[in-house]
């Protein structure tokens, strides 16, 4: 102002006041321009620094740590196994803090998709998991290709051929234990004296695809229930279960078709109750035993029809089963037998009549023909009964 005053000597006061105001206005404009220049310089420096950080991140995949304690770089697509998605399985974790690294690696950030499928995991949901676990989200930098990533659940395929093999094996075993086909105790045999099981064909056309299960452990195929044979049909249902790592992973139902070739006994005429069979009373027809009644009588050279009699009256053309016949008795009801009674060293004999059909070795009731008294004993032969107390 002192300079200005010297340069304004001799100038009227009102003119001097106008010039002073003009000088002051010019100083304000100058300072404003200087402030704008400084602001532009700071913005340029910040932009340059940001570009350097972005270039460093693009080159290394990990952003500088400062001011973060950890940098988590997410993968997409990521692959996991198991029911939960662990952060350590879908990301690279860079930190000098071992405790924080362990916490981040074990953090569950979501549920995995079904085996062999995938799901979208939103980045925001991971931050929510940070807060729930007590991890400061501001201390962790998340690096991701977008606002969500793809997470796939790894799977190993159980081959369809293994499932078919397990189903066929289960059906063959059940033919013996449930149906009796091939069981020597029933006298069931196929043509040529070979067991019926040797002439068996099992196909399971419904198992056409491999079955995915979680990867990472061996698996075991087991029966999850009884093999179900459809009555008078060649259809069989086999429930299978796939176990892995001590857990049930998948259940598969195999539907199989069974062909068991064999000859069955068919009546050639109408027969009455308790009538004894003969070789002329039956014929042998080739059938699929799996579609025949349970316990059907199949061909065997050791089968003697005359050793059996009917428990029911039957019509011609009916297929014989073991529950329709019984072994022919050695002595019939009303037959005359000799009663043998041992009294000390003396053996007393008498005559009596059987009260019902009996086989040798059975305990029977006999009516004494002389006294009319009912006595009991064991049928020793078809014509002798040893009286017992």
Protein backbone atom coordinates (compact mmCIF):
# COMPACT_ATOMS: atom_id res chain seq x y z
CA UNK A 1 0.00 0.00 0.00
CA UNK A 2 3.00 2.24 0.63
CA UNK A 3 4.15 1.66 -2.99
CA UNK A 4 0.74 2.23 -4.29
CA UNK A 5 0.47 5.40 -2.32
CA UNK A 6 3.76 6.75 -3.75
CA UNK A 7 2.67 6.04 -7.31
CA UNK A 8 -0.64 7.78 -6.72
CA UNK A 9 0.60 11.14 -5.48
CA UNK A 10 -1.11 14.03 -7.20
CA UNK A 11 -4.10 11.90 -8.11
CA UNK A 12 -7.48 12.87 -6.75
CA UNK A 13 -8.61 10.78 -3.76
CA UNK A 14 -11.60 9.22 -5.51
CA UNK A 15 -9.37 8.13 -8.38
CA UNK A 16 -6.80 6.72 -5.93
CA UNK A 17 -9.49 4.69 -4.14
CA UNK A 18 -10.63 3.11 -7.44
CA UNK A 19 -7.11 2.05 -8.38
CA UNK A 20 -6.51 0.52 -4.93
CA UNK A 21 -9.65 -1.62 -5.32
CA UNK A 22 -8.48 -2.76 -8.75
CA UNK A 23 -5.07 -3.79 -7.40
CA UNK A 24 -6.65 -5.74 -4.56
CA UNK A 25 -9.00 -7.57 -6.97
CA UNK A 26 -6.05 -8.56 -9.16
CA UNK A 27 -4.29 -10.11 -6.11
CA UNK A 28 -7.36 -12.27 -5.26
CA UNK A 29 -7.54 -13.54 -8.82
CA UNK A 30 -3.88 -14.43 -8.71
CA UNK A 31 -4.23 -16.40 -5.49
CA UNK A 32 -7.27 -18.22 -6.87
CA UNK A 33 -5.37 -19.24 -9.99
CA UNK A 34 -2.49 -20.46 -7.87
CA UNK A 35 -4.81 -22.57 -5.72
CA UNK A 36 -6.36 -24.18 -8.82
CA UNK A 37 -2.90 -25.09 -10.12
CA UNK A 38 -2.00 -26.73 -6.81
CA UNK A 39 -5.22 -28.79 -6.82
CA UNK A 40 -4.58 -30.00 -10.38
CA UNK A 41 -1.06 -31.05 -9.44
CA UNK A 42 -2.33 -33.11 -6.48
CA UNK A 43 -4.97 -34.87 -8.66
CA UNK A 44 -2.31 -35.72 -11.25
CA UNK A 45 -0.01 -37.19 -8.61
CA UNK A 46 -2.85 -39.31 -7.16
CA UNK A 47 -3.80 -40.58 -10.64
CA UNK A 48 -0.20 -41.50 -11.36
CA UNK A 49 0.13 -43.34 -8.05
CA UNK A 50 -3.08 -45.24 -8.72
CA UNK A 51 -1.86 -46.25 -12.18
CA UNK A 52 1.41 -47.55 -10.71
CA UNK A 53 -0.52 -49.65 -8.13
CA UNK A 54 -2.85 -51.01 -10.82
CA UNK A 55 0.10 -51.92 -13.03
CA UNK A 56 1.80 -53.65 -10.11
CA UNK A 57 -1.38 -55.58 -9.28
CA UNK A 58 -1.88 -56.63 -12.93
CA UNK A 59 1.69 -57.89 -13.09
CA UNK A 60 1.88 -59.78 -9.75
CA UNK A 61 -1.79 -60.60 -9.10
CA UNK A 62 -1.47 -59.20 -5.55
CA UNK A 63 -1.94 -55.57 -4.62
CA UNK A 64 0.52 -53.85 -2.27
CA UNK A 65 -0.27 -54.69 1.34
CA UNK A 66 -0.31 -51.16 2.73
CA UNK A 67 -2.61 -50.26 4.41
CA UNK A 68 -4.03 -53.85 4.52
CA UNK A 69 -2.99 -56.73 6.77
CA UNK A 70 -3.89 -59.31 4.11
CA UNK A 71 -4.72 -59.48 0.42
CA UNK A 72 -7.16 -62.17 -0.73
CA UNK A 73 -7.15 -62.90 -4.46
CA UNK A 74 -10.27 -64.85 -5.47
CA UNK A 75 -10.32 -67.38 -8.33
CA UNK A 76 -13.14 -67.76 -10.84
CA UNK A 77 -14.06 -70.43 -11.56
CA UNK A 78 -12.98 -72.02 -8.28
CA UNK A 79 -13.31 -75.74 -7.47
CA UNK A 80 -14.20 -77.10 -4.03
CA UNK A 81 -15.06 -80.46 -2.51
CA UNK A 82 -17.39 -81.04 0.39
CA UNK A 83 -20.53 -79.31 1.59
CA UNK A 84 -18.91 -75.99 2.61
CA UNK A 85 -16.93 -73.39 0.65
CA UNK A 86 -13.73 -72.48 2.50
CA UNK A 87 -12.04 -69.21 1.61
CA UNK A 88 -8.68 -70.96 1.47
CA UNK A 89 -10.02 -73.28 -1.27
CA UNK A 90 -11.13 -70.48 -3.60
CA UNK A 91 -8.47 -67.80 -3.06
CA UNK A 92 -4.78 -67.04 -2.61
CA UNK A 93 -4.18 -65.41 0.77
CA UNK A 94 -1.14 -63.16 1.18
CA UNK A 95 -0.32 -61.99 4.71
CA UNK A 96 2.55 -61.96 7.20
CA UNK A 97 0.17 -62.71 10.06
CA UNK A 98 0.03 -66.53 10.48
CA UNK A 99 -2.96 -66.41 12.79
CA UNK A 100 -4.92 -64.23 10.35
CA UNK A 101 -3.91 -66.53 7.48
CA UNK A 102 -5.26 -69.55 9.37
CA UNK A 103 -8.52 -67.78 10.22
CA UNK A 104 -9.05 -66.64 6.65
CA UNK A 105 -8.20 -70.05 5.18
CA UNK A 106 -10.70 -71.86 7.43
CA UNK A 107 -13.46 -69.28 7.02
CA UNK A 108 -16.68 -70.78 5.61
CA UNK A 109 -18.02 -68.30 3.07
CA UNK A 110 -20.98 -70.31 1.77
CA UNK A 111 -22.54 -73.67 0.99
CA UNK A 112 -21.24 -75.62 -1.98
CA UNK A 113 -23.47 -76.59 -4.88
CA UNK A 114 -24.55 -80.16 -5.49
CA UNK A 115 -21.87 -82.56 -6.60
CA UNK A 116 -20.77 -81.80 -10.15
CA UNK A 117 -22.68 -78.48 -10.27
CA UNK A 118 -21.74 -74.82 -9.69
CA UNK A 119 -23.05 -71.68 -7.99
CA UNK A 120 -22.41 -67.93 -7.97
CA UNK A 121 -20.76 -66.49 -4.86
CA UNK A 122 -21.28 -62.74 -4.39
CA UNK A 123 -18.27 -60.83 -3.07
CA UNK A 124 -20.48 -58.87 -0.68
CA UNK A 125 -21.46 -62.09 1.06
CA UNK A 126 -17.79 -62.77 1.82
CA UNK A 127 -17.52 -59.42 3.57
CA UNK A 128 -20.56 -60.35 5.63
CA UNK A 129 -18.77 -63.55 6.64
CA UNK A 130 -15.78 -61.43 7.71
CA UNK A 131 -17.95 -59.42 10.07
CA UNK A 132 -19.65 -62.56 11.44
CA UNK A 133 -16.24 -64.10 12.18
CA UNK A 134 -14.94 -60.93 13.84
CA UNK A 135 -12.42 -60.15 11.08
CA UNK A 136 -11.89 -56.48 10.30
CA UNK A 137 -12.96 -56.21 6.67
CA UNK A 138 -11.07 -52.92 6.31
CA UNK A 139 -7.82 -54.76 7.07
CA UNK A 140 -8.35 -57.28 4.25
CA UNK A 141 -8.29 -56.38 0.59
CA UNK A 142 -10.40 -58.59 -1.71
CA UNK A 143 -9.19 -58.85 -5.30
CA UNK A 144 -11.79 -60.39 -7.63
CA UNK A 145 -12.47 -60.35 -11.40
CA UNK A 146 -16.03 -59.15 -10.85
CA UNK A 147 -18.64 -58.66 -8.14
CA UNK A 148 -19.28 -62.44 -8.05
CA UNK A 149 -17.33 -65.61 -8.79
CA UNK A 150 -18.23 -69.13 -9.98
CA UNK A 151 -17.64 -71.96 -7.50
CA UNK A 152 -17.89 -75.56 -8.76
CA UNK A 153 -18.19 -78.66 -6.59
CA UNK A 154 -15.68 -81.28 -7.64
CA UNK A 155 -16.97 -84.78 -8.35
CA UNK A 156 -15.74 -88.25 -9.17
CA UNK A 157 -17.97 -90.46 -11.30
CA UNK A 158 -18.95 -93.94 -10.13
CA UNK A 159 -19.07 -95.88 -13.42
CA UNK A 160 -22.44 -97.31 -14.41
CA UNK A 161 -20.78 -100.64 -15.15
CA UNK A 162 -19.76 -100.97 -11.48
CA UNK A 163 -23.33 -100.29 -10.36
CA UNK A 164 -24.65 -102.84 -12.86
CA UNK A 165 -22.13 -105.43 -11.66
CA UNK A 166 -23.13 -104.86 -8.02
CA UNK A 167 -26.83 -105.14 -8.88
CA UNK A 168 -26.35 -108.35 -10.86
CA UNK A 169 -24.32 -109.92 -8.06
CA UNK A 170 -27.01 -109.00 -5.53
CA UNK A 171 -29.74 -110.53 -7.70
CA UNK A 172 -27.83 -113.80 -8.14
CA UNK A 173 -27.29 -114.06 -4.39
CA UNK A 174 -30.96 -113.29 -3.70
CA UNK A 175 -32.08 -115.99 -6.13
CA UNK A 176 -30.56 -118.52 -3.74
CA UNK A 177 -31.43 -116.95 -0.38
CA UNK A 178 -34.89 -115.56 -1.19
CA UNK A 179 -36.26 -117.59 -4.08
CA UNK A 180 -34.44 -120.89 -3.60
CA UNK A 181 -33.22 -121.14 -7.17
CA UNK A 182 -30.04 -123.19 -7.16
CA UNK A 183 -30.45 -124.23 -3.52
CA UNK A 184 -29.67 -127.97 -3.14
CA UNK A 185 -31.90 -128.20 -0.06
CA UNK A 186 -34.91 -127.71 -2.30
CA UNK A 187 -33.70 -130.08 -4.96
CA UNK A 188 -33.92 -127.27 -7.49
CA UNK A 189 -31.67 -127.80 -10.49
CA UNK A 190 -31.63 -126.73 -14.11
CA UNK A 191 -31.35 -128.88 -17.19
CA UNK A 192 -28.34 -131.14 -17.38
CA UNK A 193 -27.93 -131.46 -13.58
CA UNK A 194 -26.26 -128.02 -13.45
CA UNK A 195 -27.57 -125.70 -10.79
CA UNK A 196 -30.25 -123.29 -11.89
CA UNK A 197 -28.02 -120.37 -10.98
CA UNK A 198 -25.53 -121.43 -13.65
CA UNK A 199 -28.26 -120.98 -16.30
CA UNK A 200 -29.25 -117.51 -15.11
CA UNK A 201 -29.16 -114.25 -17.08
CA UNK A 202 -29.44 -110.92 -15.25
CA UNK A 203 -29.57 -107.56 -17.05
CA UNK A 204 -30.00 -104.13 -15.45
CA UNK A 205 -30.84 -101.69 -18.29
CA UNK A 206 -31.98 -98.83 -16.02
CA UNK A 207 -28.44 -98.04 -14.82
CA UNK A 208 -27.27 -96.13 -17.89
CA UNK A 209 -25.26 -93.21 -16.47
CA UNK A 210 -22.29 -92.69 -14.19
CA UNK A 211 -23.21 -91.31 -10.77
CA UNK A 212 -21.23 -88.30 -9.44
CA UNK A 213 -20.06 -88.21 -5.81
CA UNK A 214 -17.68 -85.87 -3.96
CA UNK A 215 -14.06 -86.44 -4.90
CA UNK A 216 -11.18 -87.11 -2.55
CA UNK A 217 -12.02 -90.53 -1.03
CA UNK A 218 -12.59 -94.13 -2.04
CA UNK A 219 -16.17 -95.29 -2.45
CA UNK A 220 -18.05 -98.48 -1.68
CA UNK A 221 -21.24 -99.80 -3.32
CA UNK A 222 -23.60 -101.59 -0.92
CA UNK A 223 -27.15 -102.89 -0.77
CA UNK A 224 -29.40 -100.42 1.06
CA UNK A 225 -32.32 -102.86 1.40
CA UNK A 226 -33.61 -106.27 0.31
CA UNK A 227 -33.72 -107.24 -3.35
CA UNK A 228 -37.40 -107.12 -4.34
CA UNK A 229 -38.74 -109.73 -6.77
CA UNK A 230 -42.04 -108.83 -8.41
CA UNK A 231 -44.57 -111.66 -7.97
CA UNK A 232 -44.82 -113.90 -11.03
CA UNK A 233 -42.63 -111.51 -13.00
CA UNK A 234 -39.05 -111.32 -14.26
CA UNK A 235 -38.69 -107.78 -12.85
CA UNK A 236 -36.36 -107.26 -9.88
CA UNK A 237 -35.64 -104.04 -7.95
CA UNK A 238 -32.20 -103.61 -6.37
CA UNK A 239 -31.64 -100.66 -3.95
CA UNK A 240 -27.98 -99.61 -3.97
CA UNK A 241 -26.10 -97.09 -1.81
CA UNK A 242 -22.76 -95.42 -2.54
CA UNK A 243 -20.69 -94.71 0.58
CA UNK A 244 -17.57 -92.55 0.72
CA UNK A 245 -15.55 -91.17 3.63
CA UNK A 246 -17.92 -92.88 6.06
CA UNK A 247 -20.97 -91.09 4.70
CA UNK A 248 -23.85 -92.02 2.42
CA UNK A 249 -23.29 -90.05 -0.80
CA UNK A 250 -25.87 -91.32 -3.29
CA UNK A 251 -28.68 -93.86 -3.55
CA UNK A 252 -29.41 -95.64 -6.81
CA UNK A 253 -32.28 -97.97 -7.65
CA UNK A 254 -31.46 -100.57 -10.28
CA UNK A 255 -34.28 -102.38 -12.02
CA UNK A 256 -33.17 -105.66 -13.48
CA UNK A 257 -34.62 -108.41 -15.64
CA UNK A 258 -33.96 -112.00 -14.61
CA UNK A 259 -34.06 -115.02 -16.90
CA UNK A 260 -33.59 -118.37 -15.14
CA UNK A 261 -34.09 -121.26 -17.53
CA UNK A 262 -35.36 -124.47 -15.99
CA UNK A 263 -37.96 -127.21 -16.30
CA UNK A 264 -40.91 -127.16 -13.91
CA UNK A 265 -43.38 -129.88 -12.90
CA UNK A 266 -46.88 -129.44 -14.35
CA UNK A 267 -49.85 -131.68 -13.55
CA UNK A 268 -51.26 -133.65 -16.46
CA UNK A 269 -54.63 -134.45 -14.83
CA UNK A 270 -56.99 -133.42 -12.06
CA UNK A 271 -55.95 -134.91 -8.71
CA UNK A 272 -57.62 -135.17 -5.30
CA UNK A 273 -56.46 -134.41 -1.77
CA UNK A 274 -53.76 -136.77 -0.48
CA UNK A 275 -53.52 -138.56 -3.79
CA UNK A 276 -50.03 -139.92 -4.47
CA UNK A 277 -48.20 -138.72 -7.56
CA UNK A 278 -46.87 -140.96 -10.28
CA UNK A 279 -44.49 -140.38 -13.17
CA UNK A 280 -47.50 -140.14 -15.55
CA UNK A 281 -49.13 -137.40 -13.46
CA UNK A 282 -46.52 -134.71 -14.26
CA UNK A 283 -44.74 -133.35 -17.30
CA UNK A 284 -41.67 -131.10 -17.42
CA UNK A 285 -41.99 -127.73 -19.16
CA UNK A 286 -39.21 -125.22 -19.81
CA UNK A 287 -40.01 -121.93 -18.05
CA UNK A 288 -38.39 -118.77 -16.72
CA UNK A 289 -38.16 -119.73 -13.05
CA UNK A 290 -37.98 -116.08 -12.00
CA UNK A 291 -41.56 -115.59 -13.21
CA UNK A 292 -42.86 -118.78 -11.61
CA UNK A 293 -44.38 -119.18 -8.12
CA UNK A 294 -41.92 -119.34 -5.23
CA UNK A 295 -40.72 -122.85 -4.42
CA UNK A 296 -41.64 -124.26 -7.82
CA UNK A 297 -40.56 -127.88 -8.30
CA UNK A 298 -37.84 -128.02 -10.95
CA UNK A 299 -36.38 -130.97 -12.79
CA UNK A 300 -33.96 -133.31 -11.07
CA UNK A 301 -33.17 -136.91 -11.94
CA UNK A 302 -33.39 -137.77 -8.23
CA UNK A 303 -36.97 -136.52 -7.97
CA UNK A 304 -39.33 -139.50 -7.45
CA UNK A 305 -42.99 -138.48 -7.93
CA UNK A 306 -44.26 -141.61 -6.16
CA UNK A 307 -42.65 -140.44 -2.90
CA UNK A 308 -45.00 -137.45 -2.74
CA UNK A 309 -48.72 -136.82 -2.39
CA UNK A 310 -50.89 -133.74 -2.75
CA UNK A 311 -51.95 -131.53 0.13
CA UNK A 312 -54.69 -129.91 -1.97
CA UNK A 313 -56.95 -130.95 -4.82
CA UNK A 314 -55.43 -129.54 -8.03
CA UNK A 315 -56.46 -129.06 -11.64
CA UNK A 316 -54.64 -130.26 -14.75
CA UNK A 317 -52.07 -127.75 -16.00
CA UNK A 318 -51.19 -126.31 -12.56
CA UNK A 319 -47.52 -125.82 -11.74
CA UNK A 320 -46.43 -127.81 -8.71
CA UNK A 321 -44.69 -126.11 -5.80
CA UNK A 322 -43.21 -127.67 -2.70
CA UNK A 323 -45.96 -126.31 -0.46
CA UNK A 324 -48.53 -128.28 -2.51
CA UNK A 325 -47.05 -131.66 -1.70
CA UNK A 326 -45.84 -133.64 1.29
CA UNK A 327 -43.80 -136.79 1.59
CA UNK A 328 -46.02 -139.85 1.28
CA UNK A 329 -46.53 -141.41 4.76
CA UNK A 330 -45.09 -144.84 5.55
CA UNK A 331 -48.37 -145.85 7.20
CA UNK A 332 -51.83 -144.46 6.62
CA UNK A 333 -54.60 -143.69 9.06
CA UNK A 334 -56.56 -146.85 9.99
CA UNK A 335 -53.72 -149.19 9.06
CA UNK A 336 -53.25 -152.21 11.30
CA UNK A 337 -49.98 -152.22 13.23
CA UNK A 338 -48.33 -154.43 15.81
CA UNK A 339 -48.05 -152.88 19.29
CA UNK A 340 -44.87 -153.81 21.11
CA UNK A 341 -44.76 -153.20 24.87
CA UNK A 342 -41.65 -153.90 26.95
CA UNK A 343 -42.43 -154.97 30.55
CA UNK A 344 -39.15 -155.62 32.31
CA UNK A 345 -37.48 -158.40 30.41
CA UNK A 346 -40.79 -159.50 28.92
CA UNK A 347 -41.97 -158.18 25.53
CA UNK A 348 -45.74 -158.12 25.02
CA UNK A 349 -47.29 -157.72 21.57
CA UNK A 350 -50.79 -156.72 20.60
CA UNK A 351 -52.67 -155.36 17.58
CA UNK A 352 -53.96 -151.82 17.06
CA UNK A 353 -55.02 -149.28 14.44
CA UNK A 354 -53.26 -146.01 13.54
CA UNK A 355 -55.31 -142.90 14.20
CA UNK A 356 -53.61 -140.77 11.52
CA UNK A 357 -51.07 -140.98 8.70
CA UNK A 358 -47.52 -141.25 9.95
CA UNK A 359 -43.92 -141.65 8.89
CA UNK A 360 -41.29 -143.84 10.44
CA UNK A 361 -39.82 -142.18 13.54
CA UNK A 362 -42.92 -140.13 14.38
CA UNK A 363 -44.88 -140.42 17.62
CA UNK A 364 -48.32 -141.84 16.85
CA UNK A 365 -51.63 -142.65 18.53
CA UNK A 366 -52.85 -146.25 18.21
CA UNK A 367 -56.14 -147.73 19.37
CA UNK A 368 -55.68 -151.19 20.90
CA UNK A 369 -57.90 -153.57 18.92
CA UNK A 370 -58.43 -155.89 21.91
CA UNK A 371 -59.05 -153.42 24.76
CA UNK A 372 -60.10 -150.30 22.87
CA UNK A 373 -57.61 -148.28 24.92
CA UNK A 374 -55.65 -145.49 23.19
CA UNK A 375 -51.91 -145.95 23.51
CA UNK A 376 -48.99 -143.92 22.20
CA UNK A 377 -45.65 -144.87 20.79
CA UNK A 378 -43.11 -144.44 18.00
CA UNK A 379 -43.65 -145.84 14.50
CA UNK A 380 -40.60 -148.09 14.23
CA UNK A 381 -41.50 -149.57 10.85
CA UNK A 382 -44.54 -149.07 8.64
CA UNK A 383 -46.23 -151.96 10.52
CA UNK A 384 -44.77 -151.75 14.09
CA UNK A 385 -45.27 -149.30 16.93
CA UNK A 386 -43.15 -149.38 20.10
CA UNK A 387 -45.35 -148.28 22.98
CA UNK A 388 -43.79 -145.60 25.18
CA UNK A 389 -45.09 -143.95 28.38
